[in-house]
Amino acid sequence: MMRSPHCLAVVVRTPDGKIIVRQRKWISLAEKWRFWRWPFFRGILTLGESLHNGISALNFSASVQEQPGEALEKPSSLWLTMTVAVVMALGLFAALPHFLTWGVGWLAGSDNLTGGTSVVFHLVDGAIKLAIFVGYIWAISLLPEIRRVFQYHGAEHKGIYAYEKGLDLTIENARMQTRLHPRCGTAFLLVVLFTAIIFFTLTLPFLPPASDIALVNHLVLVLIKLVFLFPIAGLSYEVIKLAGKNPEQRFLRLAILPGLVMQRLTTQEPDEGQLEVSVASLRTVLAAEAAHAANPETEITTTQEQYESFAEFVERHKETD
């Protein structure tokens, strides 16, 4: 999946080796409401839109594997999947670490780990949160199907790097690039986690108790954490954006270093077929964006086109190079 300011393209390899290309016009909420373009707000929007587009692309890919000639997207299924994914993520990476920390404190008989009002509590909570996140990524990376997803993730980064360096979008040029990219969503998530740990450790211990009942206090703290994840995501996005523009700045390099290290798990070296899919998607979205720039009224098809091979795709799209 590749997205430009006004186009979204998804390219999928069918079970028999063909390439299906789907492109559509993309209109961000930032086009309708200007405040979504402001610093901090744009990070929140980027996170939400990336989640929506990513799940949509995965659903489309799955439907191609089941019915290559009749790949359709079901909006109701998409929104249900998104809702379940968000709830599970918030529960796994926000609520669970908090209550595990409370449980550890209760078993150990430690006041610092039971009240939720100490610096130690939130440092332990943060450590558990990071352990769950890294452990989860490592565990799913062992699954063959997820490993292929991570290979496509690496192919995406390589194609984007070739484009950003001004190279011709060929398989050879993409193959030579690194698969680690500072603006990756993995880096974004890790910066969010680290920022949240620092913020909550410095602020939550100073809040007065909400109730004399321990469970109520902890539920309130978890709710506060969930609410503040949105502005924290906005701040983290600005850090990632600055790091991408100023790679020479040591502080910014350090800020995104955990994300680059994590990408050694979430990206894998792609094969040639996966690089073909990545380059085809990038070529599609760039051609559509150029057409939109020349004439904003240009129609961008929403139906998929099928090609026997990557070579056929290139041959039929030479005029857009």
C-alpha atoms as a PDB file:
ATOM      1  CA  MET A   1       0.000   0.000   0.000  1.00  0.00           C
ATOM      2  CA  MET A   2       1.259   3.464  -0.938  1.00  0.00           C
ATOM      3  CA  ARG A   3      -0.429   6.795  -0.303  1.00  0.00           C
ATOM      4  CA  SER A   4       0.200  10.221  -1.778  1.00  0.00           C
ATOM      5  CA  PRO A   5      -1.636  13.425  -0.805  1.00  0.00           C
ATOM      6  CA  HIS A   6      -4.539  12.639  -3.165  1.00  0.00           C
ATOM      7  CA  CYS A   7      -4.284   8.967  -4.089  1.00  0.00           C
ATOM      8  CA  LEU A   8      -4.174   5.564  -2.390  1.00  0.00           C
ATOM      9  CA  ALA A   9      -2.848   2.513  -4.222  1.00  0.00           C
ATOM     10  CA  VAL A  10      -2.816  -1.128  -3.172  1.00  0.00           C
ATOM     11  CA  VAL A  11      -1.012  -3.789  -5.211  1.00  0.00           C
ATOM     12  CA  VAL A  12      -1.501  -7.479  -4.423  1.00  0.00           C
ATOM     13  CA  ARG A  13       0.066 -10.662  -5.757  1.00  0.00           C
ATOM     14  CA  THR A  14      -2.565 -13.286  -6.579  1.00  0.00           C
ATOM     15  CA  PRO A  15      -2.091 -17.000  -5.768  1.00  0.00           C
ATOM     16  CA  ASP A  16      -1.244 -17.694  -9.446  1.00  0.00           C
ATOM     17  CA  GLY A  17       1.475 -14.997  -9.561  1.00  0.00           C
ATOM     18  CA  LYS A  18      -0.445 -12.191 -11.285  1.00  0.00           C
ATOM     19  CA  ILE A  19      -0.511  -8.588 -10.042  1.00  0.00           C
ATOM     20  CA  ILE A  20      -3.736  -6.794  -9.140  1.00  0.00           C
ATOM     21  CA  VAL A  21      -3.577  -3.016  -8.878  1.00  0.00           C
ATOM     22  CA  ARG A  22      -6.261  -0.974  -7.138  1.00  0.00           C
ATOM     23  CA  GLN A  23      -6.141   2.796  -6.900  1.00  0.00           C
ATOM     24  CA  ARG A  24      -8.577   5.347  -5.581  1.00  0.00           C
ATOM     25  CA  LYS A  25      -8.795   9.003  -4.816  1.00  0.00           C
ATOM     26  CA  TRP A  26      -7.729   9.833  -1.270  1.00  0.00           C
ATOM     27  CA  ILE A  27      -9.216  12.741   0.643  1.00  0.00           C
ATOM     28  CA  SER A  28      -7.787  13.258   4.100  1.00  0.00           C
ATOM     29  CA  LEU A  29      -9.850  14.869   6.848  1.00  0.00           C
ATOM     30  CA  ALA A  30      -7.167  17.569   6.831  1.00  0.00           C
ATOM     31  CA  GLU A  31      -8.574  18.674   3.467  1.00  0.00           C
ATOM     32  CA  LYS A  32     -11.947  19.349   5.065  1.00  0.00           C
ATOM     33  CA  TRP A  33     -10.919  20.673   8.485  1.00  0.00           C
ATOM     34  CA  ARG A  34      -7.760  22.782   8.580  1.00  0.00           C
ATOM     35  CA  PHE A  35      -7.091  22.237  12.278  1.00  0.00           C
ATOM     36  CA  TRP A  36      -6.036  18.653  11.458  1.00  0.00           C
ATOM     37  CA  ARG A  37      -3.014  20.197   9.702  1.00  0.00           C
ATOM     38  CA  TRP A  38      -1.794  21.886  12.862  1.00  0.00           C
ATOM     39  CA  PRO A  39       1.175  20.452  14.758  1.00  0.00           C
ATOM     40  CA  PHE A  40       0.170  17.721  17.255  1.00  0.00           C
ATOM     41  CA  PHE A  41      -3.306  17.383  15.700  1.00  0.00           C
ATOM     42  CA  ARG A  42      -1.811  16.032  12.467  1.00  0.00           C
ATOM     43  CA  GLY A  43      -0.098  13.223  14.362  1.00  0.00           C
ATOM     44  CA  ILE A  44      -3.403  12.048  15.830  1.00  0.00           C
ATOM     45  CA  LEU A  45      -5.010  12.144  12.386  1.00  0.00           C
ATOM     46  CA  THR A  46      -2.088  10.313  10.793  1.00  0.00           C
ATOM     47  CA  LEU A  47      -2.364   7.516  13.344  1.00  0.00           C
ATOM     48  CA  GLY A  48      -6.108   7.093  12.763  1.00  0.00           C
ATOM     49  CA  GLU A  49      -5.955   7.281   8.974  1.00  0.00           C
ATOM     50  CA  SER A  50      -2.983   4.908   8.821  1.00  0.00           C
ATOM     51  CA  LEU A  51      -4.895   2.369  10.896  1.00  0.00           C
ATOM     52  CA  HIS A  52      -7.930   2.671   8.632  1.00  0.00           C
ATOM     53  CA  ASN A  53      -5.925   2.382   5.409  1.00  0.00           C
ATOM     54  CA  GLY A  54      -3.750  -0.443   6.688  1.00  0.00           C
ATOM     55  CA  ILE A  55      -6.657  -2.626   7.753  1.00  0.00           C
ATOM     56  CA  SER A  56      -8.458  -1.810   4.511  1.00  0.00           C
ATOM     57  CA  ALA A  57      -5.416  -2.920   2.486  1.00  0.00           C
ATOM     58  CA  LEU A  58      -5.085  -6.149   4.486  1.00  0.00           C
ATOM     59  CA  ASN A  59      -8.788  -6.920   3.995  1.00  0.00           C
ATOM     60  CA  PHE A  60      -8.440  -6.310   0.261  1.00  0.00           C
ATOM     61  CA  SER A  61      -5.367  -8.535   0.112  1.00  0.00           C
ATOM     62  CA  ALA A  62      -7.204 -11.323   1.953  1.00  0.00           C
ATOM     63  CA  SER A  63     -10.167 -11.068  -0.403  1.00  0.00           C
ATOM     64  CA  VAL A  64      -7.840 -11.370  -3.411  1.00  0.00           C
ATOM     65  CA  GLN A  65      -6.433 -14.617  -2.045  1.00  0.00           C
ATOM     66  CA  GLU A  66      -9.961 -15.996  -1.654  1.00  0.00           C
ATOM     67  CA  GLN A  67     -11.526 -14.661  -4.881  1.00  0.00           C
ATOM     68  CA  PRO A  68      -8.882 -13.137  -7.193  1.00  0.00           C
ATOM     69  CA  GLY A  69     -11.416 -12.087  -9.807  1.00  0.00           C
ATOM     70  CA  GLU A  70     -13.975 -10.623  -7.410  1.00  0.00           C
ATOM     71  CA  ALA A  71     -11.984  -8.818  -4.710  1.00  0.00           C
ATOM     72  CA  LEU A  72     -14.392  -6.542  -2.908  1.00  0.00           C
ATOM     73  CA  GLU A  73     -14.128  -4.520   0.269  1.00  0.00           C
ATOM     74  CA  LYS A  74     -16.932  -4.763   2.835  1.00  0.00           C
ATOM     75  CA  PRO A  75     -17.171  -1.471   4.798  1.00  0.00           C
ATOM     76  CA  SER A  76     -19.058  -3.022   7.699  1.00  0.00           C
ATOM     77  CA  SER A  77     -16.388  -5.696   8.105  1.00  0.00           C
ATOM     78  CA  LEU A  78     -13.666  -3.035   7.932  1.00  0.00           C
ATOM     79  CA  TRP A  79     -15.131  -0.920  10.712  1.00  0.00           C
ATOM     80  CA  LEU A  80     -15.733  -3.980  12.888  1.00  0.00           C
ATOM     81  CA  THR A  81     -12.124  -5.083  12.409  1.00  0.00           C
ATOM     82  CA  MET A  82     -10.873  -1.580  13.232  1.00  0.00           C
ATOM     83  CA  THR A  83     -12.957  -1.378  16.392  1.00  0.00           C
ATOM     84  CA  VAL A  84     -11.781  -4.774  17.628  1.00  0.00           C
ATOM     85  CA  ALA A  85      -8.144  -3.904  16.805  1.00  0.00           C
ATOM     86  CA  VAL A  86      -8.268  -0.592  18.679  1.00  0.00           C
ATOM     87  CA  VAL A  87      -9.949  -2.086  21.744  1.00  0.00           C
ATOM     88  CA  MET A  88      -7.469  -4.969  21.882  1.00  0.00           C
ATOM     89  CA  ALA A  89      -4.490  -2.648  21.429  1.00  0.00           C
ATOM     90  CA  LEU A  90      -5.642  -0.283  24.175  1.00  0.00           C
ATOM     91  CA  GLY A  91      -6.319  -3.182  26.497  1.00  0.00           C
ATOM     92  CA  LEU A  92      -3.057  -4.981  25.774  1.00  0.00           C
ATOM     93  CA  PHE A  93      -0.687  -2.000  25.787  1.00  0.00           C
ATOM     94  CA  ALA A  94      -2.398   0.430  28.173  1.00  0.00           C
ATOM     95  CA  ALA A  95      -4.710  -1.253  30.686  1.00  0.00           C
ATOM     96  CA  LEU A  96      -2.985  -4.645  31.087  1.00  0.00           C
ATOM     97  CA  PRO A  97       0.482  -3.286  32.075  1.00  0.00           C
ATOM     98  CA  HIS A  98      -1.109  -0.978  34.662  1.00  0.00           C
ATOM     99  CA  PHE A  99      -3.065  -3.744  36.369  1.00  0.00           C
ATOM    100  CA  LEU A 100      -0.121  -6.158  36.134  1.00  0.00           C
ATOM    101  CA  THR A 101       1.992  -3.585  37.984  1.00  0.00           C
ATOM    102  CA  TRP A 102      -0.705  -3.277  40.621  1.00  0.00           C
ATOM    103  CA  GLY A 103      -0.868  -7.060  40.906  1.00  0.00           C
ATOM    104  CA  VAL A 104       2.918  -7.358  41.278  1.00  0.00           C
ATOM    105  CA  GLY A 105       2.832  -4.729  44.016  1.00  0.00           C
ATOM    106  CA  TRP A 106       0.014  -6.533  45.820  1.00  0.00           C
ATOM    107  CA  LEU A 107       1.865  -9.865  45.698  1.00  0.00           C
ATOM    108  CA  ALA A 108       5.132  -8.258  46.808  1.00  0.00           C
ATOM    109  CA  GLY A 109       3.454  -6.217  49.524  1.00  0.00           C
ATOM    110  CA  SER A 110       4.991  -3.025  48.148  1.00  0.00           C
ATOM    111  CA  ASP A 111       3.180   0.252  48.796  1.00  0.00           C
ATOM    112  CA  ASN A 112       5.071   1.842  45.884  1.00  0.00           C
ATOM    113  CA  LEU A 113       3.477  -0.635  43.480  1.00  0.00           C
ATOM    114  CA  THR A 114      -0.067  -0.713  44.791  1.00  0.00           C
ATOM    115  CA  GLY A 115      -1.253   2.877  45.044  1.00  0.00           C
ATOM    116  CA  GLY A 116      -0.396   4.029  41.537  1.00  0.00           C
ATOM    117  CA  THR A 117       0.856   7.330  42.933  1.00  0.00           C
ATOM    118  CA  SER A 118       4.606   6.710  42.946  1.00  0.00           C
ATOM    119  CA  VAL A 119       7.308   7.216  40.340  1.00  0.00           C
ATOM    120  CA  VAL A 120       8.348   3.578  40.799  1.00  0.00           C
ATOM    121  CA  PHE A 121       4.850   2.366  39.887  1.00  0.00           C
ATOM    122  CA  HIS A 122       4.852   4.151  36.540  1.00  0.00           C
ATOM    123  CA  LEU A 123       8.426   3.155  35.713  1.00  0.00           C
ATOM    124  CA  VAL A 124       7.548  -0.498  36.307  1.00  0.00           C
ATOM    125  CA  ASP A 125       4.326  -0.017  34.348  1.00  0.00           C
ATOM    126  CA  GLY A 126       6.366   1.408  31.453  1.00  0.00           C
ATOM    127  CA  ALA A 127       8.856  -1.448  31.572  1.00  0.00           C
ATOM    128  CA  ILE A 128       6.045  -4.019  31.440  1.00  0.00           C
ATOM    129  CA  LYS A 129       4.426  -2.097  28.590  1.00  0.00           C
ATOM    130  CA  LEU A 130       7.641  -2.169  26.541  1.00  0.00           C
ATOM    131  CA  ALA A 131       8.190  -5.848  27.335  1.00  0.00           C
ATOM    132  CA  ILE A 132       4.673  -6.732  26.155  1.00  0.00           C
ATOM    133  CA  PHE A 133       5.089  -4.701  22.951  1.00  0.00           C
ATOM    134  CA  VAL A 134       8.506  -6.112  22.037  1.00  0.00           C
ATOM    135  CA  GLY A 135       7.503  -9.628  23.074  1.00  0.00           C
ATOM    136  CA  TYR A 136       4.342  -9.469  20.993  1.00  0.00           C
ATOM    137  CA  ILE A 137       6.218  -8.300  17.880  1.00  0.00           C
ATOM    138  CA  TRP A 138       8.906 -10.953  18.364  1.00  0.00           C
ATOM    139  CA  ALA A 139       6.324 -13.710  18.856  1.00  0.00           C
ATOM    140  CA  ILE A 140       4.283 -12.911  15.752  1.00  0.00           C
ATOM    141  CA  SER A 141       7.482 -12.494  13.692  1.00  0.00           C
ATOM    142  CA  LEU A 142       7.991 -16.254  14.117  1.00  0.00           C
ATOM    143  CA  LEU A 143       4.790 -16.994  12.173  1.00  0.00           C
ATOM    144  CA  PRO A 144       5.481 -17.673   8.457  1.00  0.00           C
ATOM    145  CA  GLU A 145       2.517 -15.557   7.322  1.00  0.00           C
ATOM    146  CA  ILE A 146       3.576 -12.578   9.439  1.00  0.00           C
ATOM    147  CA  ARG A 147       7.171 -12.950   8.262  1.00  0.00           C
ATOM    148  CA  ARG A 148       5.913 -12.480   4.697  1.00  0.00           C
ATOM    149  CA  VAL A 149       4.028  -9.374   5.806  1.00  0.00           C
ATOM    150  CA  PHE A 150       7.276  -8.069   7.318  1.00  0.00           C
ATOM    151  CA  GLN A 151       9.083  -8.827   4.049  1.00  0.00           C
ATOM    152  CA  TYR A 152       6.543  -6.693   2.199  1.00  0.00           C
ATOM    153  CA  HIS A 153       7.109  -4.037   4.870  1.00  0.00           C
ATOM    154  CA  GLY A 154      10.822  -4.111   4.029  1.00  0.00           C
ATOM    155  CA  ALA A 155      10.011  -3.895   0.313  1.00  0.00           C
ATOM    156  CA  GLU A 156       7.875  -0.821   0.981  1.00  0.00           C
ATOM    157  CA  HIS A 157      10.749   0.943   2.757  1.00  0.00           C
ATOM    158  CA  LYS A 158      13.238   0.078   0.031  1.00  0.00           C
ATOM    159  CA  GLY A 159      10.967   1.447  -2.683  1.00  0.00           C
ATOM    160  CA  ILE A 160      10.363   4.670  -0.777  1.00  0.00           C
ATOM    161  CA  TYR A 161      14.075   5.146  -0.155  1.00  0.00           C
ATOM    162  CA  ALA A 162      14.799   4.757  -3.885  1.00  0.00           C
ATOM    163  CA  TYR A 163      12.171   7.400  -4.655  1.00  0.00           C
ATOM    164  CA  GLU A 164      13.419   9.797  -1.964  1.00  0.00           C
ATOM    165  CA  LYS A 165      16.944   9.550  -3.386  1.00  0.00           C
ATOM    166  CA  GLY A 166      15.663  10.492  -6.833  1.00  0.00           C
ATOM    167  CA  LEU A 167      16.536   7.115  -8.366  1.00  0.00           C
ATOM    168  CA  ASP A 168      14.601   5.414 -11.128  1.00  0.00           C
ATOM    169  CA  LEU A 169      11.926   3.185  -9.646  1.00  0.00           C
ATOM    170  CA  THR A 170      13.395  -0.160 -10.643  1.00  0.00           C
ATOM    171  CA  ILE A 171      13.768  -3.436  -8.767  1.00  0.00           C
ATOM    172  CA  GLU A 172      17.565  -3.089  -8.811  1.00  0.00           C
ATOM    173  CA  ASN A 173      17.544   0.413  -7.287  1.00  0.00           C
ATOM    174  CA  ALA A 174      15.038  -0.590  -4.624  1.00  0.00           C
ATOM    175  CA  ARG A 175      16.978  -3.724  -3.694  1.00  0.00           C
ATOM    176  CA  MET A 176      20.118  -1.692  -2.871  1.00  0.00           C
ATOM    177  CA  GLN A 177      18.343   0.430  -0.221  1.00  0.00           C
ATOM    178  CA  THR A 178      18.142  -0.210   3.509  1.00  0.00           C
ATOM    179  CA  ARG A 179      14.917  -1.576   4.912  1.00  0.00           C
ATOM    180  CA  LEU A 180      15.107   0.674   8.019  1.00  0.00           C
ATOM    181  CA  HIS A 181      13.265   3.994   7.689  1.00  0.00           C
ATOM    182  CA  PRO A 182      13.016   6.730  10.378  1.00  0.00           C
ATOM    183  CA  ARG A 183       9.409   7.635   9.537  1.00  0.00           C
ATOM    184  CA  CYS A 184       8.131   4.077   9.862  1.00  0.00           C
ATOM    185  CA  GLY A 185       5.039   3.405  11.938  1.00  0.00           C
ATOM    186  CA  THR A 186       7.100   1.090  14.160  1.00  0.00           C
ATOM    187  CA  ALA A 187       9.349   3.997  15.123  1.00  0.00           C
ATOM    188  CA  PHE A 188       6.234   6.074  15.695  1.00  0.00           C
ATOM    189  CA  LEU A 189       4.740   3.524  18.096  1.00  0.00           C
ATOM    190  CA  LEU A 190       7.946   3.186  20.088  1.00  0.00           C
ATOM    191  CA  VAL A 191       8.348   6.956  20.397  1.00  0.00           C
ATOM    192  CA  VAL A 192       4.731   7.066  21.604  1.00  0.00           C
ATOM    193  CA  LEU A 193       5.507   4.422  24.236  1.00  0.00           C
ATOM    194  CA  PHE A 194       8.671   6.130  25.490  1.00  0.00           C
ATOM    195  CA  THR A 195       7.003   9.558  25.535  1.00  0.00           C
ATOM    196  CA  ALA A 196       4.047   8.127  27.453  1.00  0.00           C
ATOM    197  CA  ILE A 197       6.331   6.517  30.042  1.00  0.00           C
ATOM    198  CA  ILE A 198       8.184   9.781  30.642  1.00  0.00           C
ATOM    199  CA  PHE A 199       5.017  11.891  30.728  1.00  0.00           C
ATOM    200  CA  PHE A 200       3.060   9.621  33.072  1.00  0.00           C
ATOM    201  CA  THR A 201       6.035   9.102  35.387  1.00  0.00           C
ATOM    202  CA  LEU A 202       6.470  12.859  35.777  1.00  0.00           C
ATOM    203  CA  THR A 203       2.791  13.754  36.200  1.00  0.00           C
ATOM    204  CA  LEU A 204       0.563  10.992  37.557  1.00  0.00           C
ATOM    205  CA  PRO A 205       2.354  10.554  40.922  1.00  0.00           C
ATOM    206  CA  PHE A 206       1.337  14.111  41.819  1.00  0.00           C
ATOM    207  CA  LEU A 207      -2.389  13.655  41.201  1.00  0.00           C
ATOM    208  CA  PRO A 208      -4.576  13.407  44.330  1.00  0.00           C
ATOM    209  CA  PRO A 209      -6.467  10.104  44.789  1.00  0.00           C
ATOM    210  CA  ALA A 210      -9.846  10.033  43.091  1.00  0.00           C
ATOM    211  CA  SER A 211     -11.383   7.721  45.683  1.00  0.00           C
ATOM    212  CA  ASP A 212     -10.717   5.778  48.858  1.00  0.00           C
ATOM    213  CA  ILE A 213     -11.356   2.612  46.851  1.00  0.00           C
ATOM    214  CA  ALA A 214      -8.143   1.316  45.222  1.00  0.00           C
ATOM    215  CA  LEU A 215      -9.884  -0.182  42.182  1.00  0.00           C
ATOM    216  CA  VAL A 216     -11.620   3.124  41.419  1.00  0.00           C
ATOM    217  CA  ASN A 217      -8.296   4.975  41.656  1.00  0.00           C
ATOM    218  CA  HIS A 218      -6.650   2.595  39.218  1.00  0.00           C
ATOM    219  CA  LEU A 219      -9.550   2.753  36.772  1.00  0.00           C
ATOM    220  CA  VAL A 220      -9.319   6.556  36.812  1.00  0.00           C
ATOM    221  CA  LEU A 221      -5.565   6.395  36.183  1.00  0.00           C
ATOM    222  CA  VAL A 222      -6.055   4.022  33.249  1.00  0.00           C
ATOM    223  CA  LEU A 223      -8.723   6.331  31.824  1.00  0.00           C
ATOM    224  CA  ILE A 224      -6.345   9.296  32.105  1.00  0.00           C
ATOM    225  CA  LYS A 225      -3.664   7.303  30.291  1.00  0.00           C
ATOM    226  CA  LEU A 226      -6.056   6.414  27.485  1.00  0.00           C
ATOM    227  CA  VAL A 227      -7.172  10.026  27.034  1.00  0.00           C
ATOM    228  CA  PHE A 228      -3.627  11.389  27.004  1.00  0.00           C
ATOM    229  CA  LEU A 229      -2.438   8.846  24.444  1.00  0.00           C
ATOM    230  CA  PHE A 230      -3.880  11.087  21.743  1.00  0.00           C
ATOM    231  CA  PRO A 231      -1.866  14.259  22.497  1.00  0.00           C
ATOM    232  CA  ILE A 232       1.170  12.067  23.194  1.00  0.00           C
ATOM    233  CA  ALA A 233       0.763  10.527  19.731  1.00  0.00           C
ATOM    234  CA  GLY A 234       0.617  14.037  18.296  1.00  0.00           C
ATOM    235  CA  LEU A 235       3.841  15.036  20.059  1.00  0.00           C
ATOM    236  CA  SER A 236       5.568  11.816  18.991  1.00  0.00           C
ATOM    237  CA  TYR A 237       4.627  12.422  15.372  1.00  0.00           C
ATOM    238  CA  GLU A 238       6.339  15.813  15.477  1.00  0.00           C
ATOM    239  CA  VAL A 239       9.514  14.174  16.810  1.00  0.00           C
ATOM    240  CA  ILE A 240       9.477  11.610  13.983  1.00  0.00           C
ATOM    241  CA  LYS A 241       8.827  14.327  11.417  1.00  0.00           C
ATOM    242  CA  LEU A 242      11.736  16.428  12.700  1.00  0.00           C
ATOM    243  CA  ALA A 243      14.023  13.403  12.725  1.00  0.00           C
ATOM    244  CA  GLY A 244      13.198  12.679   9.097  1.00  0.00           C
ATOM    245  CA  LYS A 245      14.042  16.259   8.093  1.00  0.00           C
ATOM    246  CA  ASN A 246      17.125  16.581  10.329  1.00  0.00           C
ATOM    247  CA  PRO A 247      18.863  13.200  10.387  1.00  0.00           C
ATOM    248  CA  GLU A 248      22.141  14.848  11.403  1.00  0.00           C
ATOM    249  CA  GLN A 249      20.779  16.002  14.779  1.00  0.00           C
ATOM    250  CA  ARG A 250      22.146  13.682  17.478  1.00  0.00           C
ATOM    251  CA  PHE A 251      19.204  14.112  19.864  1.00  0.00           C
ATOM    252  CA  LEU A 252      16.682  13.306  17.140  1.00  0.00           C
ATOM    253  CA  ARG A 253      18.720  10.290  16.025  1.00  0.00           C
ATOM    254  CA  LEU A 254      18.673   9.010  19.583  1.00  0.00           C
ATOM    255  CA  ALA A 255      14.910   9.576  19.794  1.00  0.00           C
ATOM    256  CA  ILE A 256      14.209   7.339  16.795  1.00  0.00           C
ATOM    257  CA  LEU A 257      17.004   4.817  17.405  1.00  0.00           C
ATOM    258  CA  PRO A 258      14.731   2.354  19.301  1.00  0.00           C
ATOM    259  CA  GLY A 259      12.343   2.423  16.348  1.00  0.00           C
ATOM    260  CA  LEU A 260      15.123   1.650  13.875  1.00  0.00           C
ATOM    261  CA  VAL A 261      16.305  -1.218  16.070  1.00  0.00           C
ATOM    262  CA  MET A 262      12.738  -2.520  16.304  1.00  0.00           C
ATOM    263  CA  GLN A 263      12.457  -2.495  12.523  1.00  0.00           C
ATOM    264  CA  ARG A 264      14.973  -5.312  12.424  1.00  0.00           C
ATOM    265  CA  LEU A 265      12.025  -7.379  13.610  1.00  0.00           C
ATOM    266  CA  THR A 266       9.142  -5.679  11.790  1.00  0.00           C
ATOM    267  CA  THR A 267      10.927  -5.585   8.418  1.00  0.00           C
ATOM    268  CA  GLN A 268      12.648  -8.470   6.657  1.00  0.00           C
ATOM    269  CA  GLU A 269      14.647  -8.635   3.442  1.00  0.00           C
ATOM    270  CA  PRO A 270      12.144  -8.995   0.574  1.00  0.00           C
ATOM    271  CA  ASP A 271      12.448 -11.222  -2.459  1.00  0.00           C
ATOM    272  CA  GLU A 272      12.219  -9.917  -6.022  1.00  0.00           C
ATOM    273  CA  GLY A 273       8.494 -10.584  -6.310  1.00  0.00           C
ATOM    274  CA  GLN A 274       7.788  -8.527  -3.211  1.00  0.00           C
ATOM    275  CA  LEU A 275       9.958  -5.679  -4.509  1.00  0.00           C
ATOM    276  CA  GLU A 276       7.945  -5.801  -7.749  1.00  0.00           C
ATOM    277  CA  VAL A 277       4.719  -5.317  -5.797  1.00  0.00           C
ATOM    278  CA  SER A 278       6.216  -2.425  -3.828  1.00  0.00           C
ATOM    279  CA  VAL A 279       7.569  -0.625  -6.897  1.00  0.00           C
ATOM    280  CA  ALA A 280       4.325  -1.179  -8.819  1.00  0.00           C
ATOM    281  CA  SER A 281       2.327   0.366  -5.969  1.00  0.00           C
ATOM    282  CA  LEU A 282       4.668   3.359  -5.721  1.00  0.00           C
ATOM    283  CA  ARG A 283       4.628   3.912  -9.489  1.00  0.00           C
ATOM    284  CA  THR A 284       0.827   3.740  -9.479  1.00  0.00           C
ATOM    285  CA  VAL A 285       0.354   6.295  -6.721  1.00  0.00           C
ATOM    286  CA  LEU A 286       2.947   8.702  -8.178  1.00  0.00           C
ATOM    287  CA  ALA A 287       1.342   8.547 -11.621  1.00  0.00           C
ATOM    288  CA  ALA A 288      -2.103   9.199 -10.130  1.00  0.00           C
ATOM    289  CA  GLU A 289      -0.773  12.093  -8.058  1.00  0.00           C
ATOM    290  CA  ALA A 290       0.867  13.640 -11.142  1.00  0.00           C
ATOM    291  CA  ALA A 291      -2.396  13.298 -13.054  1.00  0.00           C
ATOM    292  CA  HIS A 292      -4.272  14.944 -10.182  1.00  0.00           C
ATOM    293  CA  ALA A 293      -1.766  17.817 -10.067  1.00  0.00           C
ATOM    294  CA  ALA A 294      -2.234  18.419 -13.794  1.00  0.00           C
ATOM    295  CA  ASN A 295      -6.026  18.251 -13.516  1.00  0.00           C
ATOM    296  CA  PRO A 296      -7.716  17.894 -10.095  1.00  0.00           C
ATOM    297  CA  GLU A 297     -10.865  16.684 -11.829  1.00  0.00           C
ATOM    298  CA  THR A 298      -9.058  13.662 -13.276  1.00  0.00           C
ATOM    299  CA  GLU A 299     -10.926  10.486 -12.424  1.00  0.00           C
ATOM    300  CA  ILE A 300      -8.996   7.957 -10.361  1.00  0.00           C
ATOM    301  CA  THR A 301     -10.472   4.519 -10.873  1.00  0.00           C
ATOM    302  CA  THR A 302     -11.664   2.499  -7.880  1.00  0.00           C
ATOM    303  CA  THR A 303     -11.690  -0.827  -9.733  1.00  0.00           C
ATOM    304  CA  GLN A 304      -8.734  -3.190  -9.801  1.00  0.00           C
ATOM    305  CA  GLU A 305      -6.655  -3.934 -12.904  1.00  0.00           C
ATOM    306  CA  GLN A 306      -4.910  -7.265 -13.395  1.00  0.00           C
ATOM    307  CA  TYR A 307      -1.494  -7.836 -14.993  1.00  0.00           C
ATOM    308  CA  GLU A 308       0.133 -11.121 -15.908  1.00  0.00           C
ATOM    309  CA  SER A 309       3.509  -9.939 -14.611  1.00  0.00           C
ATOM    310  CA  PHE A 310       5.444  -6.936 -13.367  1.00  0.00           C
ATOM    311  CA  ALA A 311       7.028  -6.633 -16.818  1.00  0.00           C
ATOM    312  CA  GLU A 312       3.563  -6.258 -18.360  1.00  0.00           C
ATOM    313  CA  PHE A 313       2.677  -3.630 -15.764  1.00  0.00           C
ATOM    314  CA  VAL A 314       5.814  -1.619 -16.649  1.00  0.00           C
ATOM    315  CA  GLU A 315       5.191  -1.936 -20.370  1.00  0.00           C
ATOM    316  CA  ARG A 316       1.600  -0.662 -20.107  1.00  0.00           C
ATOM    317  CA  HIS A 317       2.592   2.240 -17.847  1.00  0.00           C
ATOM    318  CA  LYS A 318       5.662   3.547 -19.649  1.00  0.00           C
ATOM    319  CA  GLU A 319       3.874   6.774 -20.517  1.00  0.00           C
ATOM    320  CA  THR A 320       3.540   7.635 -16.809  1.00  0.00           C
ATOM    321  CA  ASP A 321       7.273   7.342 -16.023  1.00  0.00           C
END
